[in-house]
Each structure stands twice: as C-alpha cells, then as structure tokens.
Amino acid sequence: MAKHDFRYFFHEGLSNMFSHGFMSFAAIGITVACLLIMGTFTLVAVNANELLRTLEQENEILAYVDESYSETEAKALKRTLEAIPNVASATFISKEEAMESFTEQYPDEALFQDLDPEILRDRFAIKVVDLQQQSATVEKVKAVEGIAKVNAYEEIAGGFITVRNVATVVCVALIAILFVVSVFIISNTIKLTTFDRREEIAIMRMVGATNGFIRWPFVYEGFLFGLIGAAVAFLLQWGLYGAVAKGVANNDTLQLIQIIPFTEMWLPVAGTFAAAGVVIGVGGSLSAIRKFLQV
C-alpha cells in the first residue's frame, strides 16, 4: 500500500467518524460498554483464582508422628517427607508448640490451659504443590515409617478444585459470548453509517474502484472506534476497580478478601483492551461493509 493511500484511507476513516457524530458516539459507547463488562468479569475471575490459589497454599496435611519416636527422631522424618513428589514443604510442630497453639485458640477455656503437652503428638504440617494430586500424596505420607496418622481434609481440597474449575469455565464462556455479541452490535452500528453512504459506494463501484479501495476507509474507521473505545474503557475500568478495591479494604467483614492492586495488572489489561477493541472495531467494519461490496 502506497504512503499516500495510507494517508487517504486514514483521512477518510477519520472524516467518516466526524460526519456521523451520533452514530460514531454510539459505536464507541457500545465498544466501551462491552469492553467494560468483559474486563470486569475477567478481573473478578483473576482475583477469584488468586484467592483460591492462596487458600490452596494454606491448605495443610497434618501428619502425626508415632508416639514411640523421640523429638530428634521425629525431626529426622522431615527430609523423607519433603522428598515425596508433590510435597512443597513439611514443617515440624513439636508437642509443646501444638499445645501452645491449642491454648491460644481457646483462651477462655480454663480446662485447656493446664493440659500436659505429652497428651499430644509431634506432627508435620505439609503443604502440597498440586491440590489435585493430594490423595496420592496422602497415601505416600501414610507409607512413611514413623507416621502414625494423617489428616488431609480432602473434602475441602475437592471443594477448592471444583470452585476453581467452575469459575474458570463460567468466566471463559461469558467472555466468549460477550465478545461475539460485541462484534455483532458494533457491526450493526457501523452498518447503519454505511447504509447512509450506499449511493456513494455504488458510484465508486461503477467507476471501477476496487473492493479494497472502498473497504479500507471503513477498516480505519472501525480501527479508530475500537482504539478510542478501548482507551475510554481502560480508564473507566481503572477507576471502577480502584473504587471497589477501596470499598473492600474499608469493609471489616471483607478483610479476608485480598484484591490484587491494579498497578500490578494495568499493562496486560491495557494491551488486552487495545487488542480486543481493535478486533471488535475492525471485525465489525468488515462485517458491515461486506454486504455493500457484493455484486
């Protein structure tokens, strides 16, 4: 494409935007709304996945050491446990430490304050790498000589996995549906502006203009719609996300929910918005102009 063609097509695309003021505003507004909805669902899913990942990391397997083992012998099991595949860490907890934690958990129960630590067992708090392999890991921990009992809370682990998988599927499905709807809406919006120029397009075809020559101004118009819409949507998303994050941080009942700072995600969010906006705008333009280029 020649340099002057690029300037001509870009100028025509820009002129088309300003010559159809209300329709252009509607096209950009629809793009902003669609991107904002998709972005909100995506950011909610990202934060939910991060929260679930944190909960997974906090999930522990408790492996109780045989009572006949001394504390030194019990500590020696640490290397064996950490050598098991899928074990991320194995933290030794002595009887005394377990009793201290127990009494701190129930400070108002006088009967629990004077218990002898010897009634408890030394234990290991084990964290796994992949929660889906926890069952197999538990069996291998049970097989370690010196381990008398294992508590794994596999129902909780299964719940984490189920919630994560459902959240991922729902998020992907919603984003896919919204993306298709966005392209359809922007296509029909641009089609209305194209309809106003159908006679101009017909004249250009009669004088021998190629489909490409007719199509490119609309492509640039859609490109500008998408880019401007993406920029506006990004700024609105940033403000909305910040307001929600601040509200969660100031709410005492939601203190357990950790919101990822937008400053850690702004670059991929901006890139995704720009790419999605351009694809929606250009895709909608190509879909709109196709009908008028058919002989």
C-alpha atoms as a PDB file:
ATOM      1  CA  MET A   1       0.000   0.000   0.000  1.00  0.00           C
ATOM      2  CA  ALA A   2       1.430   3.343  -1.037  1.00  0.00           C
ATOM      3  CA  LYS A   3       2.115   6.022   1.532  1.00  0.00           C
ATOM      4  CA  HIS A   4      -0.441   8.388   0.047  1.00  0.00           C
ATOM      5  CA  ASP A   5      -3.049   5.598   0.092  1.00  0.00           C
ATOM      6  CA  PHE A   6      -2.491   5.171   3.817  1.00  0.00           C
ATOM      7  CA  ARG A   7      -2.992   8.888   4.387  1.00  0.00           C
ATOM      8  CA  TYR A   8      -6.096   8.920   2.191  1.00  0.00           C
ATOM      9  CA  PHE A   9      -7.698   5.913   3.881  1.00  0.00           C
ATOM     10  CA  PHE A  10      -6.883   7.205   7.363  1.00  0.00           C
ATOM     11  CA  HIS A  11      -8.252  10.664   6.488  1.00  0.00           C
ATOM     12  CA  GLU A  12     -11.423   9.123   5.061  1.00  0.00           C
ATOM     13  CA  GLY A  13     -11.897   6.923   8.129  1.00  0.00           C
ATOM     14  CA  LEU A  14     -11.432   9.913  10.416  1.00  0.00           C
ATOM     15  CA  SER A  15     -13.807  12.029   8.334  1.00  0.00           C
ATOM     16  CA  ASN A  16     -16.442   9.303   8.447  1.00  0.00           C
ATOM     17  CA  MET A  17     -16.297   9.341  12.241  1.00  0.00           C
ATOM     18  CA  PHE A  18     -16.956  13.077  12.473  1.00  0.00           C
ATOM     19  CA  SER A  19     -19.528  13.123   9.687  1.00  0.00           C
ATOM     20  CA  HIS A  20     -21.701  10.649  11.578  1.00  0.00           C
ATOM     21  CA  GLY A  21     -21.379  12.212  15.012  1.00  0.00           C
ATOM     22  CA  PHE A  22     -24.192  10.478  16.878  1.00  0.00           C
ATOM     23  CA  MET A  23     -23.612   7.075  15.275  1.00  0.00           C
ATOM     24  CA  SER A  24     -19.888   7.318  15.930  1.00  0.00           C
ATOM     25  CA  PHE A  25     -20.586   8.194  19.547  1.00  0.00           C
ATOM     26  CA  ALA A  26     -22.950   5.206  19.760  1.00  0.00           C
ATOM     27  CA  ALA A  27     -20.374   2.852  18.241  1.00  0.00           C
ATOM     28  CA  ILE A  28     -17.677   3.993  20.680  1.00  0.00           C
ATOM     29  CA  GLY A  29     -20.135   3.853  23.581  1.00  0.00           C
ATOM     30  CA  ILE A  30     -21.122   0.282  22.741  1.00  0.00           C
ATOM     31  CA  THR A  31     -17.470  -0.716  22.444  1.00  0.00           C
ATOM     32  CA  VAL A  32     -16.740   0.861  25.840  1.00  0.00           C
ATOM     33  CA  ALA A  33     -19.693  -0.914  27.458  1.00  0.00           C
ATOM     34  CA  CYS A  34     -18.774  -4.310  26.014  1.00  0.00           C
ATOM     35  CA  LEU A  35     -15.097  -4.000  26.951  1.00  0.00           C
ATOM     36  CA  LEU A  36     -16.001  -2.776  30.430  1.00  0.00           C
ATOM     37  CA  ILE A  37     -18.303  -5.756  31.020  1.00  0.00           C
ATOM     38  CA  MET A  38     -15.739  -8.234  29.672  1.00  0.00           C
ATOM     39  CA  GLY A  39     -12.958  -6.567  31.657  1.00  0.00           C
ATOM     40  CA  THR A  40     -14.973  -6.639  34.880  1.00  0.00           C
ATOM     41  CA  PHE A  41     -15.771 -10.346  34.518  1.00  0.00           C
ATOM     42  CA  THR A  42     -12.134 -11.085  33.709  1.00  0.00           C
ATOM     43  CA  LEU A  43     -10.759  -9.128  36.686  1.00  0.00           C
ATOM     44  CA  VAL A  44     -13.266 -10.761  39.032  1.00  0.00           C
ATOM     45  CA  ALA A  45     -12.148 -14.165  37.726  1.00  0.00           C
ATOM     46  CA  VAL A  46      -8.456 -13.266  38.117  1.00  0.00           C
ATOM     47  CA  ASN A  47      -8.988 -12.160  41.721  1.00  0.00           C
ATOM     48  CA  ALA A  48     -11.132 -15.214  42.500  1.00  0.00           C
ATOM     49  CA  ASN A  49      -8.461 -17.508  41.058  1.00  0.00           C
ATOM     50  CA  GLU A  50      -5.774 -15.743  43.106  1.00  0.00           C
ATOM     51  CA  LEU A  51      -7.884 -16.070  46.264  1.00  0.00           C
ATOM     52  CA  LEU A  52      -8.425 -19.773  45.604  1.00  0.00           C
ATOM     53  CA  ARG A  53      -4.710 -20.230  44.930  1.00  0.00           C
ATOM     54  CA  THR A  54      -3.938 -18.595  48.298  1.00  0.00           C
ATOM     55  CA  LEU A  55      -6.453 -20.830  50.059  1.00  0.00           C
ATOM     56  CA  GLU A  56      -4.941 -23.848  48.341  1.00  0.00           C
ATOM     57  CA  GLN A  57      -1.494 -22.859  49.559  1.00  0.00           C
ATOM     58  CA  GLU A  58      -2.816 -22.539  53.122  1.00  0.00           C
ATOM     59  CA  ASN A  59      -4.432 -25.974  52.954  1.00  0.00           C
ATOM     60  CA  GLU A  60      -2.338 -28.400  55.018  1.00  0.00           C
ATOM     61  CA  ILE A  61      -1.941 -32.114  55.539  1.00  0.00           C
ATOM     62  CA  LEU A  62      -1.255 -32.952  59.197  1.00  0.00           C
ATOM     63  CA  ALA A  63       0.997 -35.984  59.592  1.00  0.00           C
ATOM     64  CA  TYR A  64       1.231 -37.237  63.208  1.00  0.00           C
ATOM     65  CA  VAL A  65       4.453 -38.921  64.318  1.00  0.00           C
ATOM     66  CA  ASP A  66       4.404 -42.260  66.138  1.00  0.00           C
ATOM     67  CA  GLU A  67       4.393 -41.778  69.914  1.00  0.00           C
ATOM     68  CA  SER A  68       7.412 -44.048  70.330  1.00  0.00           C
ATOM     69  CA  TYR A  69       9.617 -41.603  68.398  1.00  0.00           C
ATOM     70  CA  SER A  70      11.680 -39.055  70.309  1.00  0.00           C
ATOM     71  CA  GLU A  71      11.629 -35.434  69.157  1.00  0.00           C
ATOM     72  CA  THR A  72      15.020 -35.874  67.481  1.00  0.00           C
ATOM     73  CA  GLU A  73      13.813 -38.965  65.617  1.00  0.00           C
ATOM     74  CA  ALA A  74      10.621 -37.191  64.662  1.00  0.00           C
ATOM     75  CA  LYS A  75      12.506 -34.207  63.232  1.00  0.00           C
ATOM     76  CA  ALA A  76      14.619 -36.603  61.161  1.00  0.00           C
ATOM     77  CA  LEU A  77      11.479 -37.538  59.178  1.00  0.00           C
ATOM     78  CA  LYS A  78      11.369 -34.052  57.641  1.00  0.00           C
ATOM     79  CA  ARG A  79      13.824 -34.915  54.855  1.00  0.00           C
ATOM     80  CA  THR A  80      11.910 -38.094  53.970  1.00  0.00           C
ATOM     81  CA  LEU A  81       8.592 -36.244  53.812  1.00  0.00           C
ATOM     82  CA  GLU A  82       9.944 -33.388  51.684  1.00  0.00           C
ATOM     83  CA  ALA A  83      11.379 -35.937  49.248  1.00  0.00           C
ATOM     84  CA  ILE A  84       7.864 -37.173  48.422  1.00  0.00           C
ATOM     85  CA  PRO A  85       6.694 -35.912  44.997  1.00  0.00           C
ATOM     86  CA  ASN A  86       4.161 -33.046  45.175  1.00  0.00           C
ATOM     87  CA  VAL A  87       5.217 -32.050  48.718  1.00  0.00           C
ATOM     88  CA  ALA A  88       6.104 -28.346  48.767  1.00  0.00           C
ATOM     89  CA  SER A  89       7.153 -28.179  52.426  1.00  0.00           C
ATOM     90  CA  ALA A  90       6.977 -30.131  55.685  1.00  0.00           C
ATOM     91  CA  THR A  91       7.065 -28.019  58.865  1.00  0.00           C
ATOM     92  CA  PHE A  92       7.780 -29.804  62.130  1.00  0.00           C
ATOM     93  CA  ILE A  93       5.495 -28.935  65.078  1.00  0.00           C
ATOM     94  CA  SER A  94       6.504 -30.246  68.496  1.00  0.00           C
ATOM     95  CA  LYS A  95       4.041 -31.296  71.209  1.00  0.00           C
ATOM     96  CA  GLU A  96       4.778 -28.115  73.129  1.00  0.00           C
ATOM     97  CA  GLU A  97       4.201 -25.905  70.073  1.00  0.00           C
ATOM     98  CA  ALA A  98       0.962 -27.741  69.291  1.00  0.00           C
ATOM     99  CA  MET A  99      -0.260 -27.281  72.872  1.00  0.00           C
ATOM    100  CA  GLU A 100       0.646 -23.592  72.843  1.00  0.00           C
ATOM    101  CA  SER A 101      -1.280 -23.101  69.619  1.00  0.00           C
ATOM    102  CA  PHE A 102      -4.228 -25.028  71.061  1.00  0.00           C
ATOM    103  CA  THR A 103      -4.437 -22.933  74.244  1.00  0.00           C
ATOM    104  CA  GLU A 104      -4.117 -19.698  72.258  1.00  0.00           C
ATOM    105  CA  GLN A 105      -7.020 -20.819  70.107  1.00  0.00           C
ATOM    106  CA  TYR A 106      -9.227 -21.315  73.206  1.00  0.00           C
ATOM    107  CA  PRO A 107      -8.035 -18.641  75.677  1.00  0.00           C
ATOM    108  CA  ASP A 108     -11.331 -18.581  77.594  1.00  0.00           C
ATOM    109  CA  GLU A 109     -11.418 -22.310  78.292  1.00  0.00           C
ATOM    110  CA  ALA A 110      -9.729 -22.771  81.692  1.00  0.00           C
ATOM    111  CA  LEU A 111      -9.661 -26.580  81.349  1.00  0.00           C
ATOM    112  CA  PHE A 112      -7.430 -26.311  78.282  1.00  0.00           C
ATOM    113  CA  GLN A 113      -4.806 -24.071  79.901  1.00  0.00           C
ATOM    114  CA  ASP A 114      -3.142 -26.656  82.141  1.00  0.00           C
ATOM    115  CA  LEU A 115      -3.094 -29.672  79.857  1.00  0.00           C
ATOM    116  CA  ASP A 116       0.098 -31.714  79.625  1.00  0.00           C
ATOM    117  CA  PRO A 117       1.728 -31.449  76.147  1.00  0.00           C
ATOM    118  CA  GLU A 118       2.524 -35.162  76.391  1.00  0.00           C
ATOM    119  CA  ILE A 119      -1.087 -35.964  75.549  1.00  0.00           C
ATOM    120  CA  LEU A 120      -0.392 -34.642  72.046  1.00  0.00           C
ATOM    121  CA  ARG A 121       1.861 -35.956  69.296  1.00  0.00           C
ATOM    122  CA  ASP A 122       4.680 -34.349  67.364  1.00  0.00           C
ATOM    123  CA  ARG A 123       3.447 -33.607  63.863  1.00  0.00           C
ATOM    124  CA  PHE A 124       4.284 -32.158  60.469  1.00  0.00           C
ATOM    125  CA  ALA A 125       2.223 -29.542  58.628  1.00  0.00           C
ATOM    126  CA  ILE A 126       2.628 -30.497  54.968  1.00  0.00           C
ATOM    127  CA  LYS A 127       1.790 -28.249  52.017  1.00  0.00           C
ATOM    128  CA  VAL A 128       1.380 -29.724  48.541  1.00  0.00           C
ATOM    129  CA  VAL A 129       2.265 -28.299  45.123  1.00  0.00           C
ATOM    130  CA  ASP A 130      -0.798 -29.563  43.221  1.00  0.00           C
ATOM    131  CA  LEU A 131      -4.020 -29.940  45.180  1.00  0.00           C
ATOM    132  CA  GLN A 132      -5.437 -32.332  42.587  1.00  0.00           C
ATOM    133  CA  GLN A 133      -2.732 -34.865  43.485  1.00  0.00           C
ATOM    134  CA  GLN A 134      -3.329 -34.593  47.223  1.00  0.00           C
ATOM    135  CA  SER A 135      -4.928 -38.041  47.589  1.00  0.00           C
ATOM    136  CA  ALA A 136      -1.908 -39.789  46.096  1.00  0.00           C
ATOM    137  CA  THR A 137       0.405 -37.660  48.234  1.00  0.00           C
ATOM    138  CA  VAL A 138      -1.514 -38.586  51.400  1.00  0.00           C
ATOM    139  CA  GLU A 139      -1.056 -42.288  50.647  1.00  0.00           C
ATOM    140  CA  LYS A 140       2.681 -41.819  50.245  1.00  0.00           C
ATOM    141  CA  VAL A 141       2.871 -39.854  53.506  1.00  0.00           C
ATOM    142  CA  LYS A 142       0.987 -42.641  55.306  1.00  0.00           C
ATOM    143  CA  ALA A 143       3.513 -45.131  53.959  1.00  0.00           C
ATOM    144  CA  VAL A 144       6.450 -43.312  55.628  1.00  0.00           C
ATOM    145  CA  GLU A 145       7.758 -45.306  58.573  1.00  0.00           C
ATOM    146  CA  GLY A 146       7.177 -43.302  61.748  1.00  0.00           C
ATOM    147  CA  ILE A 147       3.979 -41.602  60.591  1.00  0.00           C
ATOM    148  CA  ALA A 148       1.061 -42.934  62.641  1.00  0.00           C
ATOM    149  CA  LYS A 149      -1.879 -40.904  61.310  1.00  0.00           C
ATOM    150  CA  VAL A 150      -2.681 -38.388  58.593  1.00  0.00           C
ATOM    151  CA  ASN A 151      -5.457 -35.768  58.482  1.00  0.00           C
ATOM    152  CA  ALA A 152      -5.942 -34.394  54.977  1.00  0.00           C
ATOM    153  CA  TYR A 153      -9.393 -32.690  54.831  1.00  0.00           C
ATOM    154  CA  GLU A 154      -9.833 -33.917  51.266  1.00  0.00           C
ATOM    155  CA  GLU A 155     -13.418 -32.618  51.094  1.00  0.00           C
ATOM    156  CA  ILE A 156     -12.107 -29.060  51.464  1.00  0.00           C
ATOM    157  CA  ALA A 157      -9.419 -29.680  48.842  1.00  0.00           C
ATOM    158  CA  GLY A 158     -12.031 -31.098  46.466  1.00  0.00           C
ATOM    159  CA  GLY A 159     -14.205 -28.042  47.082  1.00  0.00           C
ATOM    160  CA  PHE A 160     -11.346 -25.705  46.167  1.00  0.00           C
ATOM    161  CA  ILE A 161     -10.732 -27.588  42.920  1.00  0.00           C
ATOM    162  CA  THR A 162     -14.425 -27.641  41.983  1.00  0.00           C
ATOM    163  CA  VAL A 163     -14.906 -23.920  42.647  1.00  0.00           C
ATOM    164  CA  ARG A 164     -11.778 -23.048  40.655  1.00  0.00           C
ATOM    165  CA  ASN A 165     -12.806 -25.184  37.661  1.00  0.00           C
ATOM    166  CA  VAL A 166     -16.383 -23.881  37.628  1.00  0.00           C
ATOM    167  CA  ALA A 167     -15.204 -20.266  37.938  1.00  0.00           C
ATOM    168  CA  THR A 168     -12.786 -20.739  35.031  1.00  0.00           C
ATOM    169  CA  VAL A 169     -15.399 -22.322  32.741  1.00  0.00           C
ATOM    170  CA  VAL A 170     -18.055 -19.705  33.546  1.00  0.00           C
ATOM    171  CA  CYS A 171     -15.610 -16.836  33.027  1.00  0.00           C
ATOM    172  CA  VAL A 172     -14.349 -18.146  29.668  1.00  0.00           C
ATOM    173  CA  ALA A 173     -17.907 -18.797  28.463  1.00  0.00           C
ATOM    174  CA  LEU A 174     -19.131 -15.328  29.469  1.00  0.00           C
ATOM    175  CA  ILE A 175     -16.166 -13.583  27.860  1.00  0.00           C
ATOM    176  CA  ALA A 176     -16.624 -15.562  24.628  1.00  0.00           C
ATOM    177  CA  ILE A 177     -20.338 -14.756  24.481  1.00  0.00           C
ATOM    178  CA  LEU A 178     -19.780 -11.068  25.247  1.00  0.00           C
ATOM    179  CA  PHE A 179     -17.057 -10.864  22.601  1.00  0.00           C
ATOM    180  CA  VAL A 180     -19.363 -12.302  19.907  1.00  0.00           C
ATOM    181  CA  VAL A 181     -22.194 -10.003  20.999  1.00  0.00           C
ATOM    182  CA  SER A 182     -19.824  -7.018  20.913  1.00  0.00           C
ATOM    183  CA  VAL A 183     -18.741  -7.741  17.332  1.00  0.00           C
ATOM    184  CA  PHE A 184     -22.393  -8.195  16.303  1.00  0.00           C
ATOM    185  CA  ILE A 185     -23.511  -4.924  17.913  1.00  0.00           C
ATOM    186  CA  ILE A 186     -20.623  -2.844  16.586  1.00  0.00           C
ATOM    187  CA  SER A 187     -21.157  -4.420  13.147  1.00  0.00           C
ATOM    188  CA  ASN A 188     -24.789  -3.362  13.069  1.00  0.00           C
ATOM    189  CA  THR A 189     -23.928   0.095  14.385  1.00  0.00           C
ATOM    190  CA  ILE A 190     -21.347   0.663  11.659  1.00  0.00           C
ATOM    191  CA  LYS A 191     -23.724  -0.888   9.138  1.00  0.00           C
ATOM    192  CA  LEU A 192     -26.142   1.982   9.810  1.00  0.00           C
ATOM    193  CA  THR A 193     -23.471   4.537   8.984  1.00  0.00           C
ATOM    194  CA  THR A 194     -22.539   2.521   5.904  1.00  0.00           C
ATOM    195  CA  PHE A 195     -26.157   2.433   4.771  1.00  0.00           C
ATOM    196  CA  ASP A 196     -26.160   6.230   4.621  1.00  0.00           C
ATOM    197  CA  ARG A 197     -23.266   6.016   2.154  1.00  0.00           C
ATOM    198  CA  ARG A 198     -24.650   3.202  -0.038  1.00  0.00           C
ATOM    199  CA  GLU A 199     -25.123   5.500  -3.019  1.00  0.00           C
ATOM    200  CA  GLU A 200     -21.522   6.761  -2.723  1.00  0.00           C
ATOM    201  CA  ILE A 201     -20.295   3.158  -2.607  1.00  0.00           C
ATOM    202  CA  ALA A 202     -22.407   2.238  -5.646  1.00  0.00           C
ATOM    203  CA  ILE A 203     -20.954   5.155  -7.645  1.00  0.00           C
ATOM    204  CA  MET A 204     -17.405   4.176  -6.673  1.00  0.00           C
ATOM    205  CA  ARG A 205     -18.064   0.615  -7.862  1.00  0.00           C
ATOM    206  CA  MET A 206     -19.471   1.870 -11.181  1.00  0.00           C
ATOM    207  CA  VAL A 207     -16.350   3.927 -11.894  1.00  0.00           C
ATOM    208  CA  GLY A 208     -14.154   0.897 -11.274  1.00  0.00           C
ATOM    209  CA  ALA A 209     -12.975   1.295  -7.661  1.00  0.00           C
ATOM    210  CA  THR A 210     -11.729  -1.988  -6.213  1.00  0.00           C
ATOM    211  CA  ASN A 211     -13.301  -3.588  -3.167  1.00  0.00           C
ATOM    212  CA  GLY A 212     -10.099  -2.945  -1.254  1.00  0.00           C
ATOM    213  CA  PHE A 213     -10.147   0.767  -2.062  1.00  0.00           C
ATOM    214  CA  ILE A 214     -13.753   1.019  -0.859  1.00  0.00           C
ATOM    215  CA  ARG A 215     -13.208  -1.193   2.181  1.00  0.00           C
ATOM    216  CA  TRP A 216     -10.067   0.392   3.714  1.00  0.00           C
ATOM    217  CA  PRO A 217     -11.633   3.672   4.931  1.00  0.00           C
ATOM    218  CA  PHE A 218     -14.217   1.635   6.832  1.00  0.00           C
ATOM    219  CA  VAL A 219     -11.468  -0.562   8.267  1.00  0.00           C
ATOM    220  CA  TYR A 220      -9.658   2.519   9.579  1.00  0.00           C
ATOM    221  CA  GLU A 221     -12.938   3.875  10.898  1.00  0.00           C
ATOM    222  CA  GLY A 222     -13.550   0.650  12.826  1.00  0.00           C
ATOM    223  CA  PHE A 223      -9.941   0.675  13.997  1.00  0.00           C
ATOM    224  CA  LEU A 224     -10.396   4.167  15.446  1.00  0.00           C
ATOM    225  CA  PHE A 225     -13.728   3.196  17.025  1.00  0.00           C
ATOM    226  CA  GLY A 226     -12.055   0.239  18.732  1.00  0.00           C
ATOM    227  CA  LEU A 227      -8.957   2.120  19.833  1.00  0.00           C
ATOM    228  CA  ILE A 228     -10.834   5.088  21.280  1.00  0.00           C
ATOM    229  CA  GLY A 229     -13.352   2.773  22.930  1.00  0.00           C
ATOM    230  CA  ALA A 230     -10.531   0.703  24.438  1.00  0.00           C
ATOM    231  CA  ALA A 231      -8.832   3.799  25.866  1.00  0.00           C
ATOM    232  CA  VAL A 232     -12.045   5.100  27.452  1.00  0.00           C
ATOM    233  CA  ALA A 233     -12.969   1.636  28.762  1.00  0.00           C
ATOM    234  CA  PHE A 234      -9.496   1.194  30.278  1.00  0.00           C
ATOM    235  CA  LEU A 235      -9.715   4.470  32.197  1.00  0.00           C
ATOM    236  CA  LEU A 236     -13.219   3.675  33.431  1.00  0.00           C
ATOM    237  CA  GLN A 237     -12.136   0.153  34.404  1.00  0.00           C
ATOM    238  CA  TRP A 238      -9.208   1.544  36.372  1.00  0.00           C
ATOM    239  CA  GLY A 239     -11.479   3.942  38.278  1.00  0.00           C
ATOM    240  CA  LEU A 240     -14.152   1.293  38.902  1.00  0.00           C
ATOM    241  CA  TYR A 241     -11.599  -1.283  40.051  1.00  0.00           C
ATOM    242  CA  GLY A 242      -9.961   1.219  42.385  1.00  0.00           C
ATOM    243  CA  ALA A 243     -13.308   2.165  43.919  1.00  0.00           C
ATOM    244  CA  VAL A 244     -14.252  -1.485  44.515  1.00  0.00           C
ATOM    245  CA  ALA A 245     -10.807  -2.297  45.953  1.00  0.00           C
ATOM    246  CA  LYS A 246     -11.057   0.669  48.324  1.00  0.00           C
ATOM    247  CA  GLY A 247     -14.549  -0.369  49.403  1.00  0.00           C
ATOM    248  CA  VAL A 248     -13.407  -3.933  50.134  1.00  0.00           C
ATOM    249  CA  ALA A 249     -10.364  -2.692  52.073  1.00  0.00           C
ATOM    250  CA  ASN A 250     -12.547  -0.420  54.241  1.00  0.00           C
ATOM    251  CA  ASN A 251     -15.139  -3.125  54.963  1.00  0.00           C
ATOM    252  CA  ASP A 252     -14.389  -5.078  58.143  1.00  0.00           C
ATOM    253  CA  THR A 253     -16.421  -8.090  57.009  1.00  0.00           C
ATOM    254  CA  LEU A 254     -14.410  -8.433  53.771  1.00  0.00           C
ATOM    255  CA  GLN A 255     -10.922  -8.200  55.256  1.00  0.00           C
ATOM    256  CA  LEU A 256     -10.147 -11.793  54.245  1.00  0.00           C
ATOM    257  CA  ILE A 257     -10.528 -10.904  50.559  1.00  0.00           C
ATOM    258  CA  GLN A 258      -7.268  -9.676  49.099  1.00  0.00           C
ATOM    259  CA  ILE A 259      -7.687  -7.560  45.953  1.00  0.00           C
ATOM    260  CA  ILE A 260      -4.770  -7.550  43.525  1.00  0.00           C
ATOM    261  CA  PRO A 261      -3.562  -3.925  43.045  1.00  0.00           C
ATOM    262  CA  PHE A 262      -4.456  -2.599  39.592  1.00  0.00           C
ATOM    263  CA  THR A 263      -0.912  -1.231  39.259  1.00  0.00           C
ATOM    264  CA  GLU A 264       0.274  -4.839  39.032  1.00  0.00           C
ATOM    265  CA  MET A 265      -2.087  -5.599  36.145  1.00  0.00           C
ATOM    266  CA  TRP A 266      -2.524  -2.357  34.211  1.00  0.00           C
ATOM    267  CA  LEU A 267      -0.132  -3.254  31.376  1.00  0.00           C
ATOM    268  CA  PRO A 268      -1.722  -6.604  30.389  1.00  0.00           C
ATOM    269  CA  VAL A 269      -5.184  -5.092  30.918  1.00  0.00           C
ATOM    270  CA  ALA A 270      -4.334  -2.143  28.638  1.00  0.00           C
ATOM    271  CA  GLY A 271      -2.891  -4.474  25.991  1.00  0.00           C
ATOM    272  CA  THR A 272      -5.905  -6.776  26.130  1.00  0.00           C
ATOM    273  CA  PHE A 273      -8.354  -3.879  25.913  1.00  0.00           C
ATOM    274  CA  ALA A 274      -6.484  -2.396  22.926  1.00  0.00           C
ATOM    275  CA  ALA A 275      -6.339  -5.730  21.089  1.00  0.00           C
ATOM    276  CA  ALA A 276      -9.979  -6.581  21.834  1.00  0.00           C
ATOM    277  CA  GLY A 277     -11.144  -3.085  20.863  1.00  0.00           C
ATOM    278  CA  VAL A 278      -9.297  -3.178  17.535  1.00  0.00           C
ATOM    279  CA  VAL A 279     -10.573  -6.689  16.724  1.00  0.00           C
ATOM    280  CA  ILE A 280     -14.153  -5.702  17.605  1.00  0.00           C
ATOM    281  CA  GLY A 281     -13.961  -2.451  15.621  1.00  0.00           C
ATOM    282  CA  VAL A 282     -12.223  -3.833  12.530  1.00  0.00           C
ATOM    283  CA  GLY A 283     -14.251  -7.068  12.626  1.00  0.00           C
ATOM    284  CA  GLY A 284     -17.480  -5.108  12.879  1.00  0.00           C
ATOM    285  CA  SER A 285     -16.482  -2.835   9.985  1.00  0.00           C
ATOM    286  CA  LEU A 286     -15.536  -5.740   7.715  1.00  0.00           C
ATOM    287  CA  SER A 287     -18.786  -7.487   8.543  1.00  0.00           C
ATOM    288  CA  ALA A 288     -20.797  -4.310   7.881  1.00  0.00           C
ATOM    289  CA  ILE A 289     -19.198  -3.417   4.541  1.00  0.00           C
ATOM    290  CA  ARG A 290     -19.339  -6.979   3.112  1.00  0.00           C
ATOM    291  CA  LYS A 291     -22.994  -6.673   2.138  1.00  0.00           C
ATOM    292  CA  PHE A 292     -22.440  -3.472   0.155  1.00  0.00           C
ATOM    293  CA  LEU A 293     -19.498  -4.937  -1.776  1.00  0.00           C
ATOM    294  CA  GLN A 294     -21.481  -7.867  -3.109  1.00  0.00           C
ATOM    295  CA  VAL A 295     -22.356  -7.576  -6.758  1.00  0.00           C
END
